[in-house]
Amino acid sequence: MALVSFARSSIARLALLHGLLLAASMMAVLGGVYLGTSRLIAAEGDQLISLEAQGLAAEFRERDLDGFVTAVVDRADDPWVRGGVYELRGPTGDFLAGNVVVLPDLTIQAGGWAEFDVAVTRGDANASRRIRAKLTELGSGFRLLVGHDVQDRRAFRAVMLRSLAWAVLVTLLFGALGGWWLGRRISRTAQAISASAGRIAAGSLGERLPVTGSGDEIDALVSRFNELLGRVESLTTTMRAVLDSTAHDLRGHLNRIRGAAQDARKAAASPAESAATDTVLAEIDRLSETLQGLLRIALAESGTAPLEDVDLSAVALDLAEFYQPVAEAGQLSVAVDPGLTVRGHRQLLSQALSNLLDNALKYGQGTPVSVSLHRAGGHARLEVTDGGPGIPAEHRGLATQRFRRLPGSSGLPGSGLGLSLVAAVARLHHADLELADAAPGLRVVLAVPLAGFAPA
């Protein structure tokens, strides 16, 4: 698995790409040298053969036949020292002089050139040598084949090709190693930045991305990002202070208004006055509940709520026990797997589940309500199901928006913040929230990643 993971990593791709680029560059350079050298040596060899053939043709014109034959015989003597091969044939095709007899079997190419192998005896050993030769028409039907041994040239090409292959392989290896080293360096920086960014996203606004001190573009970018984080931290701290101060003042005012309303209710002189003060008290309670809901949503959406390991099974059981007296006899059923621990905020998770139970009991209209919590892969899957009218599919997207009341719920108590808080808590915990049809009723599913499992 580790090997497969490495093969899919950006480090492996960068190392391979770096090695291939270097190997391709080396192949282009050495290949050009090889082709240029081979062509130069071949051109020089062909030029020597052509010059020698031209010289012998001139001698043929200047000497008599016996003298020319003698000259060819002298040149053909001990050819594997001089490296030349010769064959002279007359007008009838008969062999006159030389050290090879190959002409009738040769396939002559354009320009009179041909290549062939001849057996050479050196001491007790036999060897095959490659010959490149040119056929020259001397006139009056005489033909002269002049060639040189090119076996050493072929050996040189083989050595060059092997050297090129080894150079490419070594370059590929060192290029891949260099790419791997460079990729590891970049990857370590990226992992450190990713880890710091994860802690920042989890609410640790005092965290800063690591600066290596190299002074390169990455350090410059990280430094500017740290400046941005400092600004965000300052603004967030100021906004939280303002929010906390405002919430404290509002709660103080609401408590004083509630106290005054309670005093007025006690001093009411008529049933009408008592009903009016009851209405004021109910609106004060509703306003206080709305304020608390907004504060919890703000805390969840700020991303600054401190997270810890939370036993979600215990939270679910405690809330179910708390709601049992509120529900009708036998209405609430609970099935919770023990020991499901998540990384989260205990109070917000408890409030989200409380909102789900409130909605199920309120909108379920006395129908059975079930709460289940079980493990599903790397998640704790919480389901709350009721048998009420449910939420039509076209309205489920609106149900998680703030202050949105669905059709038919205007006469029921509530501020329209219940499911919006659940959605905010789900986002804070990287959880999946699903509203589904229970046929009849509504099924709400909240899948929270278990502690130790990275969110998808």
Protein backbone atom coordinates (compact mmCIF):
# COMPACT_ATOMS: atom_id res chain seq x y z
CA MET A 1 0.00 0.00 0.00
CA ALA A 2 2.86 2.37 0.85
CA LEU A 3 4.43 1.73 -2.57
CA VAL A 4 1.11 2.34 -4.34
CA SER A 5 0.57 5.52 -2.33
CA PHE A 6 4.05 6.75 -3.23
CA ALA A 7 3.51 5.91 -6.91
CA ARG A 8 0.38 8.08 -6.93
CA SER A 9 2.02 10.98 -5.10
CA SER A 10 3.14 14.21 -6.71
CA ILE A 11 6.70 13.42 -5.57
CA ALA A 12 6.81 10.27 -7.72
CA ARG A 13 5.37 12.10 -10.72
CA LEU A 14 7.82 14.97 -10.31
CA ALA A 15 10.77 12.58 -9.93
CA LEU A 16 9.74 10.61 -13.01
CA LEU A 17 9.14 13.76 -15.06
CA HIS A 18 12.47 15.25 -13.97
CA GLY A 19 14.32 12.03 -14.82
CA LEU A 20 12.60 11.69 -18.20
CA LEU A 21 13.36 15.28 -19.14
CA LEU A 22 17.04 14.88 -18.27
CA ALA A 23 17.22 11.52 -20.04
CA ALA A 24 15.55 12.99 -23.13
CA SER A 25 17.99 15.90 -23.08
CA MET A 26 20.95 13.56 -22.72
CA MET A 27 19.62 11.33 -25.48
CA ALA A 28 19.21 14.32 -27.79
CA VAL A 29 22.75 15.60 -27.10
CA LEU A 30 24.55 12.25 -27.22
CA GLY A 31 22.37 11.06 -30.09
CA GLY A 32 23.37 14.15 -32.07
CA VAL A 33 27.04 13.52 -31.26
CA TYR A 34 26.69 9.85 -32.27
CA LEU A 35 24.94 10.61 -35.56
CA GLY A 36 27.34 13.41 -36.40
CA THR A 37 30.42 11.34 -35.59
CA SER A 38 29.15 8.27 -37.44
CA ARG A 39 28.30 10.30 -40.53
CA LEU A 40 31.67 12.07 -40.46
CA ILE A 41 33.60 8.79 -40.18
CA ALA A 42 31.47 7.19 -42.89
CA ALA A 43 31.95 10.19 -45.20
CA GLU A 44 35.71 10.17 -44.68
CA GLY A 45 35.86 6.41 -45.35
CA ASP A 46 33.81 6.75 -48.55
CA GLN A 47 35.98 9.63 -49.65
CA LEU A 48 39.15 7.54 -49.21
CA ILE A 49 37.64 4.68 -51.22
CA SER A 50 36.54 7.07 -53.97
CA LEU A 51 39.97 8.72 -54.15
CA GLU A 52 41.74 5.36 -54.32
CA ALA A 53 39.35 4.14 -57.01
CA GLN A 54 39.93 7.32 -59.01
CA GLY A 55 43.71 6.91 -58.66
CA LEU A 56 43.61 3.32 -59.91
CA ALA A 57 41.34 4.33 -62.80
CA ALA A 58 43.97 6.91 -63.78
CA GLU A 59 46.70 4.23 -63.62
CA PHE A 60 44.57 1.96 -65.83
CA ARG A 61 44.50 4.64 -68.47
CA GLU A 62 48.25 5.29 -68.22
CA ARG A 63 49.62 1.72 -68.02
CA ASP A 64 49.30 -1.37 -70.08
CA LEU A 65 47.11 -4.20 -68.77
CA ASP A 66 50.00 -6.26 -67.34
CA GLY A 67 51.39 -3.28 -65.47
CA PHE A 68 47.98 -2.40 -64.08
CA VAL A 69 47.34 -5.99 -62.97
CA THR A 70 50.70 -5.95 -61.23
CA ALA A 71 49.75 -2.71 -59.45
CA VAL A 72 46.47 -4.21 -58.26
CA VAL A 73 48.28 -7.36 -57.07
CA ASP A 74 50.76 -5.20 -55.12
CA ARG A 75 47.94 -3.31 -53.44
CA ALA A 76 46.03 -6.49 -52.69
CA ASP A 77 49.05 -8.05 -50.93
CA ASP A 78 48.38 -8.50 -47.16
CA PRO A 79 45.08 -6.56 -47.23
CA TRP A 80 44.34 -6.96 -43.49
CA VAL A 81 47.34 -4.79 -42.71
CA ARG A 82 46.41 -2.03 -45.14
CA GLY A 83 42.70 -2.68 -44.82
CA GLY A 84 41.96 -2.62 -48.55
CA VAL A 85 40.23 -5.19 -50.77
CA TYR A 86 40.39 -5.29 -54.53
CA GLU A 87 38.92 -7.26 -57.39
CA LEU A 88 39.68 -6.71 -61.11
CA ARG A 89 37.62 -8.42 -63.78
CA GLY A 90 37.92 -8.38 -67.56
CA PRO A 91 35.34 -7.75 -70.26
CA THR A 92 34.18 -11.37 -70.18
CA GLY A 93 33.81 -11.30 -66.39
CA ASP A 94 36.93 -13.38 -65.73
CA PHE A 95 38.88 -12.69 -62.53
CA LEU A 96 42.20 -10.97 -63.24
CA ALA A 97 43.58 -9.83 -59.86
CA GLY A 98 42.62 -9.00 -56.28
CA ASN A 99 42.18 -10.49 -52.86
CA VAL A 100 38.38 -11.14 -52.94
CA VAL A 101 36.12 -12.95 -55.34
CA VAL A 102 32.67 -11.53 -54.70
CA LEU A 103 31.66 -9.39 -57.64
CA PRO A 104 29.14 -11.70 -59.39
CA ASP A 105 27.19 -12.17 -56.15
CA LEU A 106 27.06 -8.54 -55.08
CA THR A 107 24.04 -6.29 -55.17
CA ILE A 108 25.34 -2.94 -56.36
CA GLN A 109 23.55 0.09 -54.91
CA ALA A 110 23.24 3.61 -56.28
CA GLY A 111 26.61 5.18 -57.09
CA GLY A 112 28.27 1.78 -57.39
CA TRP A 113 28.47 1.16 -53.64
CA ALA A 114 28.11 -2.21 -51.95
CA GLU A 115 28.67 -3.79 -48.53
CA PHE A 116 29.52 -7.44 -47.89
CA ASP A 117 31.20 -9.76 -45.42
CA VAL A 118 34.39 -11.70 -46.10
CA ALA A 119 36.07 -14.44 -44.06
CA VAL A 120 39.55 -13.62 -42.85
CA THR A 121 42.08 -16.09 -41.52
CA ARG A 122 44.55 -14.86 -38.95
CA GLY A 123 46.71 -17.64 -37.67
CA ASP A 124 44.42 -20.43 -36.58
CA ALA A 125 41.40 -18.17 -36.15
CA ASN A 126 38.75 -17.28 -38.67
CA ALA A 127 36.85 -14.01 -38.48
CA SER A 128 34.22 -12.23 -40.54
CA ARG A 129 34.98 -8.68 -41.60
CA ARG A 130 32.58 -6.12 -42.99
CA ILE A 131 33.70 -4.49 -46.23
CA ARG A 132 32.38 -1.36 -47.91
CA ALA A 133 33.42 -1.08 -51.55
CA LYS A 134 32.78 0.88 -54.74
CA LEU A 135 32.58 -0.60 -58.23
CA THR A 136 34.31 1.50 -60.91
CA GLU A 137 33.93 0.98 -64.67
CA LEU A 138 37.46 1.36 -66.11
CA GLY A 139 36.43 1.22 -69.77
CA SER A 140 36.64 -1.45 -72.48
CA GLY A 141 34.54 -3.72 -70.18
CA PHE A 142 37.05 -3.81 -67.31
CA ARG A 143 35.61 -3.38 -63.81
CA LEU A 144 37.46 -2.68 -60.61
CA LEU A 145 36.07 -3.15 -57.08
CA VAL A 146 37.87 -1.12 -54.39
CA GLY A 147 36.84 -1.43 -50.74
CA HIS A 148 37.99 -0.93 -47.19
CA ASP A 149 37.41 -2.86 -43.98
CA VAL A 150 34.71 -1.06 -41.93
CA GLN A 151 34.45 -3.64 -39.14
CA ASP A 152 36.17 -1.29 -36.71
CA ARG A 153 33.72 1.42 -37.70
CA ARG A 154 30.81 -0.88 -36.83
CA ALA A 155 32.46 -1.76 -33.52
CA PHE A 156 32.84 1.94 -32.80
CA ARG A 157 29.13 2.47 -33.49
CA ALA A 158 28.22 -0.39 -31.16
CA VAL A 159 30.39 1.11 -28.41
CA MET A 160 28.81 4.51 -28.98
CA LEU A 161 25.30 3.04 -28.82
CA ARG A 162 26.07 1.16 -25.59
CA SER A 163 27.58 4.30 -24.12
CA LEU A 164 24.51 6.26 -25.16
CA ALA A 165 22.18 3.70 -23.56
CA TRP A 166 24.16 3.67 -20.31
CA ALA A 167 24.36 7.45 -20.26
CA VAL A 168 20.58 7.70 -20.70
CA LEU A 169 19.94 5.14 -17.94
CA VAL A 170 22.35 6.83 -15.52
CA THR A 171 20.89 10.24 -16.35
CA LEU A 172 17.38 8.89 -15.82
CA LEU A 173 18.40 7.45 -12.46
CA PHE A 174 20.13 10.58 -11.21
CA GLY A 175 17.43 12.78 -12.67
CA ALA A 176 14.76 10.75 -10.86
CA LEU A 177 16.76 10.97 -7.63
CA GLY A 178 17.14 14.71 -8.08
CA GLY A 179 13.44 15.07 -8.81
CA TRP A 180 12.61 12.93 -5.77
CA TRP A 181 14.81 15.10 -3.53
CA LEU A 182 13.26 18.27 -4.91
CA GLY A 183 9.77 16.80 -4.62
CA ARG A 184 10.38 15.73 -1.02
CA ARG A 185 11.56 19.23 -0.19
CA ILE A 186 8.46 20.78 -1.72
CA SER A 187 6.23 18.10 -0.20
CA ARG A 188 7.56 18.67 3.32
CA THR A 189 6.86 22.38 2.95
CA ALA A 190 3.38 21.67 1.58
CA GLN A 191 2.63 19.18 4.37
CA ALA A 192 3.73 21.66 7.02
CA ILE A 193 1.56 24.36 5.44
CA SER A 194 -1.37 21.93 5.15
CA ALA A 195 -1.06 20.88 8.81
CA SER A 196 -0.98 24.51 9.95
CA ALA A 197 -3.90 25.38 7.67
CA GLY A 198 -5.87 22.47 9.18
CA ARG A 199 -5.29 23.79 12.69
CA ILE A 200 -6.30 27.27 11.54
CA ALA A 201 -9.48 25.89 9.96
CA ALA A 202 -10.20 24.08 13.24
CA GLY A 203 -10.29 27.45 15.01
CA SER A 204 -6.70 28.06 16.07
CA LEU A 205 -6.43 31.53 14.57
CA GLY A 206 -3.17 32.16 16.41
CA GLU A 207 -1.51 29.49 14.26
CA ARG A 208 0.90 30.67 11.56
CA LEU A 209 2.23 28.93 8.49
CA PRO A 210 5.90 27.88 8.77
CA VAL A 211 8.54 30.05 7.08
CA THR A 212 11.73 28.22 6.08
CA GLY A 213 13.87 31.34 5.87
CA SER A 214 15.07 30.58 2.35
CA GLY A 215 13.72 33.88 1.05
CA ASP A 216 12.17 32.25 -2.03
CA GLU A 217 8.74 32.86 -3.54
CA ILE A 218 7.08 30.29 -1.26
CA ASP A 219 8.40 32.06 1.83
CA ALA A 220 7.19 35.39 0.44
CA LEU A 221 3.73 33.94 -0.20
CA VAL A 222 3.61 32.33 3.26
CA SER A 223 4.69 35.59 4.92
CA ARG A 224 1.92 37.52 3.17
CA PHE A 225 -0.57 34.83 4.12
CA ASN A 226 0.57 35.04 7.76
CA GLU A 227 -0.03 38.78 7.61
CA LEU A 228 -3.53 38.06 6.33
CA LEU A 229 -4.08 35.56 9.16
CA GLY A 230 -2.99 38.15 11.68
CA ARG A 231 -5.51 40.58 10.25
CA VAL A 232 -8.26 37.93 10.27
CA GLU A 233 -7.42 37.02 13.86
CA SER A 234 -7.60 40.66 14.90
CA LEU A 235 -10.93 41.18 13.14
CA THR A 236 -12.36 37.93 14.50
CA THR A 237 -11.29 38.77 18.04
CA THR A 238 -12.86 42.22 17.72
CA MET A 239 -16.08 40.81 16.27
CA ARG A 240 -16.33 38.16 18.98
CA ALA A 241 -15.78 40.79 21.66
CA VAL A 242 -18.48 42.99 20.11
CA LEU A 243 -20.82 40.01 19.74
CA ASP A 244 -20.27 38.85 23.30
CA SER A 245 -20.74 42.38 24.64
CA THR A 246 -23.89 42.91 22.57
CA ALA A 247 -25.30 39.53 23.57
CA HIS A 248 -24.58 40.28 27.24
CA ASP A 249 -26.30 43.65 27.00
CA LEU A 250 -29.30 42.15 25.16
CA ARG A 251 -29.68 39.38 27.71
CA GLY A 252 -29.53 41.99 30.48
CA HIS A 253 -32.22 44.09 28.83
CA LEU A 254 -34.38 41.03 28.17
CA ASN A 255 -34.07 39.92 31.81
CA ARG A 256 -35.06 43.37 33.03
CA ILE A 257 -38.02 43.49 30.63
CA ARG A 258 -39.04 40.01 31.74
CA GLY A 259 -38.82 41.05 35.39
CA ALA A 260 -40.97 44.09 34.70
CA ALA A 261 -43.50 41.97 32.81
CA GLN A 262 -43.67 39.46 35.66
CA ASP A 263 -44.25 42.30 38.12
CA ALA A 264 -46.98 43.66 35.86
CA ARG A 265 -48.60 40.24 35.70
CA LYS A 266 -48.68 40.00 39.47
CA ALA A 267 -50.25 43.46 39.66
CA ALA A 268 -52.78 42.77 36.90
CA ALA A 269 -56.23 43.87 37.92
CA SER A 270 -58.17 42.00 35.26
CA PRO A 271 -57.96 38.83 33.15
CA ALA A 272 -57.29 40.99 30.08
CA GLU A 273 -54.24 42.52 31.69
CA SER A 274 -53.01 39.05 32.75
CA ALA A 275 -53.41 37.77 29.16
CA ALA A 276 -51.52 40.77 27.81
CA THR A 277 -48.61 40.25 30.19
CA ASP A 278 -48.57 36.51 29.35
CA THR A 279 -48.25 37.45 25.67
CA VAL A 280 -45.36 39.80 26.49
CA LEU A 281 -43.62 37.08 28.52
CA ALA A 282 -44.05 34.56 25.67
CA GLU A 283 -42.59 37.02 23.15
CA ILE A 284 -39.68 37.75 25.51
CA ASP A 285 -38.98 34.02 25.81
CA ARG A 286 -39.19 33.65 22.02
CA LEU A 287 -36.81 36.57 21.52
CA SER A 288 -34.39 35.12 24.07
CA GLU A 289 -34.53 31.74 22.33
CA THR A 290 -33.87 33.40 18.96
CA LEU A 291 -30.90 35.28 20.40
CA GLN A 292 -29.42 32.08 21.83
CA GLY A 293 -29.94 30.30 18.51
CA LEU A 294 -28.21 33.05 16.56
CA LEU A 295 -25.27 33.05 18.99
CA ARG A 296 -24.87 29.29 18.64
CA ILE A 297 -25.03 29.52 14.83
CA ALA A 298 -22.44 32.30 14.87
CA LEU A 299 -20.18 30.18 17.08
CA ALA A 300 -20.53 27.17 14.77
CA GLU A 301 -19.98 29.14 11.57
CA SER A 302 -17.03 31.11 12.92
CA GLY A 303 -14.92 27.94 12.95
CA THR A 304 -13.35 29.05 16.24
CA ALA A 305 -15.25 26.69 18.51
CA PRO A 306 -12.72 24.52 20.41
CA LEU A 307 -12.97 20.84 19.49
CA GLU A 308 -12.34 17.83 21.68
CA ASP A 309 -13.08 14.13 21.74
CA VAL A 310 -16.82 13.78 22.45
CA ASP A 311 -18.62 10.54 23.30
CA LEU A 312 -21.55 11.05 20.93
CA SER A 313 -23.22 7.88 22.23
CA ALA A 314 -23.37 9.34 25.75
CA VAL A 315 -24.68 12.67 24.42
CA ALA A 316 -27.46 10.91 22.49
CA LEU A 317 -28.47 8.75 25.46
CA ASP A 318 -28.53 11.73 27.84
CA LEU A 319 -30.73 13.77 25.53
CA ALA A 320 -33.06 10.84 24.85
CA GLU A 321 -33.44 10.36 28.60
CA PHE A 322 -34.12 14.08 29.01
CA TYR A 323 -36.86 14.04 26.33
CA GLN A 324 -38.56 10.83 27.51
CA PRO A 325 -40.80 12.69 30.02
CA VAL A 326 -41.77 15.23 27.34
CA ALA A 327 -42.81 12.57 24.82
CA GLU A 328 -45.96 10.54 25.14
CA ALA A 329 -45.70 7.08 26.62
CA GLY A 330 -43.89 4.78 24.21
CA GLN A 331 -43.54 7.49 21.58
CA LEU A 332 -39.73 7.81 21.71
CA SER A 333 -37.56 4.78 20.87
CA VAL A 334 -33.76 4.82 21.15
CA ALA A 335 -31.08 2.53 19.63
CA VAL A 336 -27.53 3.74 20.28
CA ASP A 337 -24.25 1.86 19.76
CA PRO A 338 -21.91 2.55 22.68
CA GLY A 339 -18.50 4.19 22.51
CA LEU A 340 -18.83 6.23 19.31
CA THR A 341 -16.38 9.08 19.81
CA VAL A 342 -16.12 12.06 17.47
CA ARG A 343 -13.94 15.14 17.35
CA GLY A 344 -16.27 18.01 18.01
CA HIS A 345 -17.90 20.59 20.24
CA ARG A 346 -20.02 18.91 22.92
CA GLN A 347 -22.46 21.77 23.49
CA LEU A 348 -23.12 22.39 19.80
CA LEU A 349 -23.57 18.68 19.06
CA SER A 350 -25.96 18.40 21.99
CA GLN A 351 -27.90 21.45 20.79
CA ALA A 352 -28.12 20.09 17.24
CA LEU A 353 -29.54 16.76 18.45
CA SER A 354 -31.87 18.63 20.80
CA ASN A 355 -33.21 20.67 17.87
CA LEU A 356 -33.80 17.50 15.88
CA LEU A 357 -35.73 15.91 18.76
CA ASP A 358 -37.71 19.11 19.32
CA ASN A 359 -38.74 19.20 15.66
CA ALA A 360 -39.59 15.49 15.57
CA LEU A 361 -41.80 15.70 18.65
CA LYS A 362 -43.36 19.01 17.61
CA TYR A 363 -44.06 18.24 13.94
CA GLY A 364 -44.53 14.49 14.40
CA GLN A 365 -48.00 15.17 15.84
CA GLY A 366 -47.86 12.31 18.31
CA THR A 367 -46.46 9.75 15.87
CA PRO A 368 -43.57 7.46 16.92
CA VAL A 369 -40.14 9.10 16.99
CA SER A 370 -36.98 7.03 16.75
CA VAL A 371 -33.37 7.97 17.50
CA SER A 372 -30.59 5.70 16.28
CA LEU A 373 -26.82 6.06 16.36
CA HIS A 374 -24.51 3.49 14.84
CA ARG A 375 -21.14 3.22 13.12
CA ALA A 376 -21.06 3.44 9.32
CA GLY A 377 -17.50 3.15 8.04
CA GLY A 378 -15.51 6.05 9.46
CA HIS A 379 -18.63 7.94 10.58
CA ALA A 380 -21.07 7.97 13.45
CA ARG A 381 -24.47 7.92 11.70
CA LEU A 382 -27.21 9.65 13.71
CA GLU A 383 -30.81 9.30 12.50
CA VAL A 384 -33.91 10.98 13.90
CA THR A 385 -37.18 9.82 12.31
CA ASP A 386 -40.78 10.83 12.88
CA GLY A 387 -44.10 9.85 11.28
CA GLY A 388 -45.44 13.34 10.69
CA PRO A 389 -46.20 15.13 7.44
CA GLY A 390 -42.47 15.45 6.61
CA ILE A 391 -40.95 18.07 4.32
CA PRO A 392 -41.66 18.03 0.58
CA ALA A 393 -38.55 17.48 -1.52
CA GLU A 394 -38.83 20.93 -3.11
CA HIS A 395 -38.75 22.62 0.33
CA ARG A 396 -35.88 20.68 1.92
CA GLY A 397 -33.29 23.14 0.66
CA LEU A 398 -35.16 25.99 2.37
CA ALA A 399 -35.52 24.14 5.66
CA THR A 400 -31.89 24.75 6.66
CA GLN A 401 -32.01 28.50 5.94
CA ARG A 402 -32.38 30.96 8.79
CA PHE A 403 -35.83 32.26 9.69
CA ARG A 404 -37.49 30.24 6.95
CA ARG A 405 -40.81 28.74 8.06
CA LEU A 406 -42.27 26.08 5.84
CA PRO A 407 -45.86 26.25 4.60
CA GLY A 408 -48.27 25.05 7.27
CA SER A 409 -45.96 25.74 10.23
CA SER A 410 -46.82 29.38 10.88
CA GLY A 411 -49.09 28.50 13.79
CA LEU A 412 -46.48 26.36 15.53
CA PRO A 413 -43.92 27.71 17.98
CA GLY A 414 -40.36 28.25 16.79
CA SER A 415 -38.05 30.84 15.26
CA GLY A 416 -37.01 29.06 12.09
CA LEU A 417 -33.46 28.50 13.36
CA GLY A 418 -33.62 24.83 14.38
CA LEU A 419 -32.41 23.13 11.21
CA SER A 420 -30.17 26.09 10.25
CA LEU A 421 -28.25 25.49 13.50
CA VAL A 422 -28.04 21.77 12.70
CA ALA A 423 -26.64 22.63 9.25
CA ALA A 424 -24.07 25.01 10.79
CA VAL A 425 -22.98 22.35 13.30
CA ALA A 426 -22.68 19.82 10.46
CA ARG A 427 -20.39 22.17 8.52
CA LEU A 428 -18.25 22.80 11.61
CA HIS A 429 -17.76 19.04 12.11
CA HIS A 430 -17.32 18.23 8.38
CA ALA A 431 -20.44 16.09 8.71
CA ASP A 432 -23.01 15.16 6.08
CA LEU A 433 -26.58 16.33 6.69
CA GLU A 434 -29.43 14.68 4.80
CA LEU A 435 -33.18 15.30 4.93
CA ALA A 436 -35.02 12.28 3.53
CA ASP A 437 -38.56 10.94 3.24
CA ALA A 438 -39.47 8.40 5.95
CA ALA A 439 -42.71 7.46 4.15
CA PRO A 440 -44.48 8.85 6.07
CA GLY A 441 -42.59 11.49 8.01
CA LEU A 442 -39.10 12.95 7.92
CA ARG A 443 -35.77 11.22 8.42
CA VAL A 444 -32.83 13.46 9.31
CA VAL A 445 -29.38 11.86 8.98
CA LEU A 446 -26.25 13.42 10.44
CA ALA A 447 -23.02 11.50 9.63
CA VAL A 448 -20.15 12.82 11.78
CA PRO A 449 -16.55 11.61 11.16
CA LEU A 450 -15.29 9.48 14.01
CA ALA A 451 -12.25 10.62 15.99
CA GLY A 452 -9.10 9.55 14.18
CA PHE A 453 -10.74 9.60 10.72
CA ALA A 454 -9.89 12.51 8.45
CA PRO A 455 -12.97 14.22 6.98
CA ALA A 456 -13.56 13.47 3.30
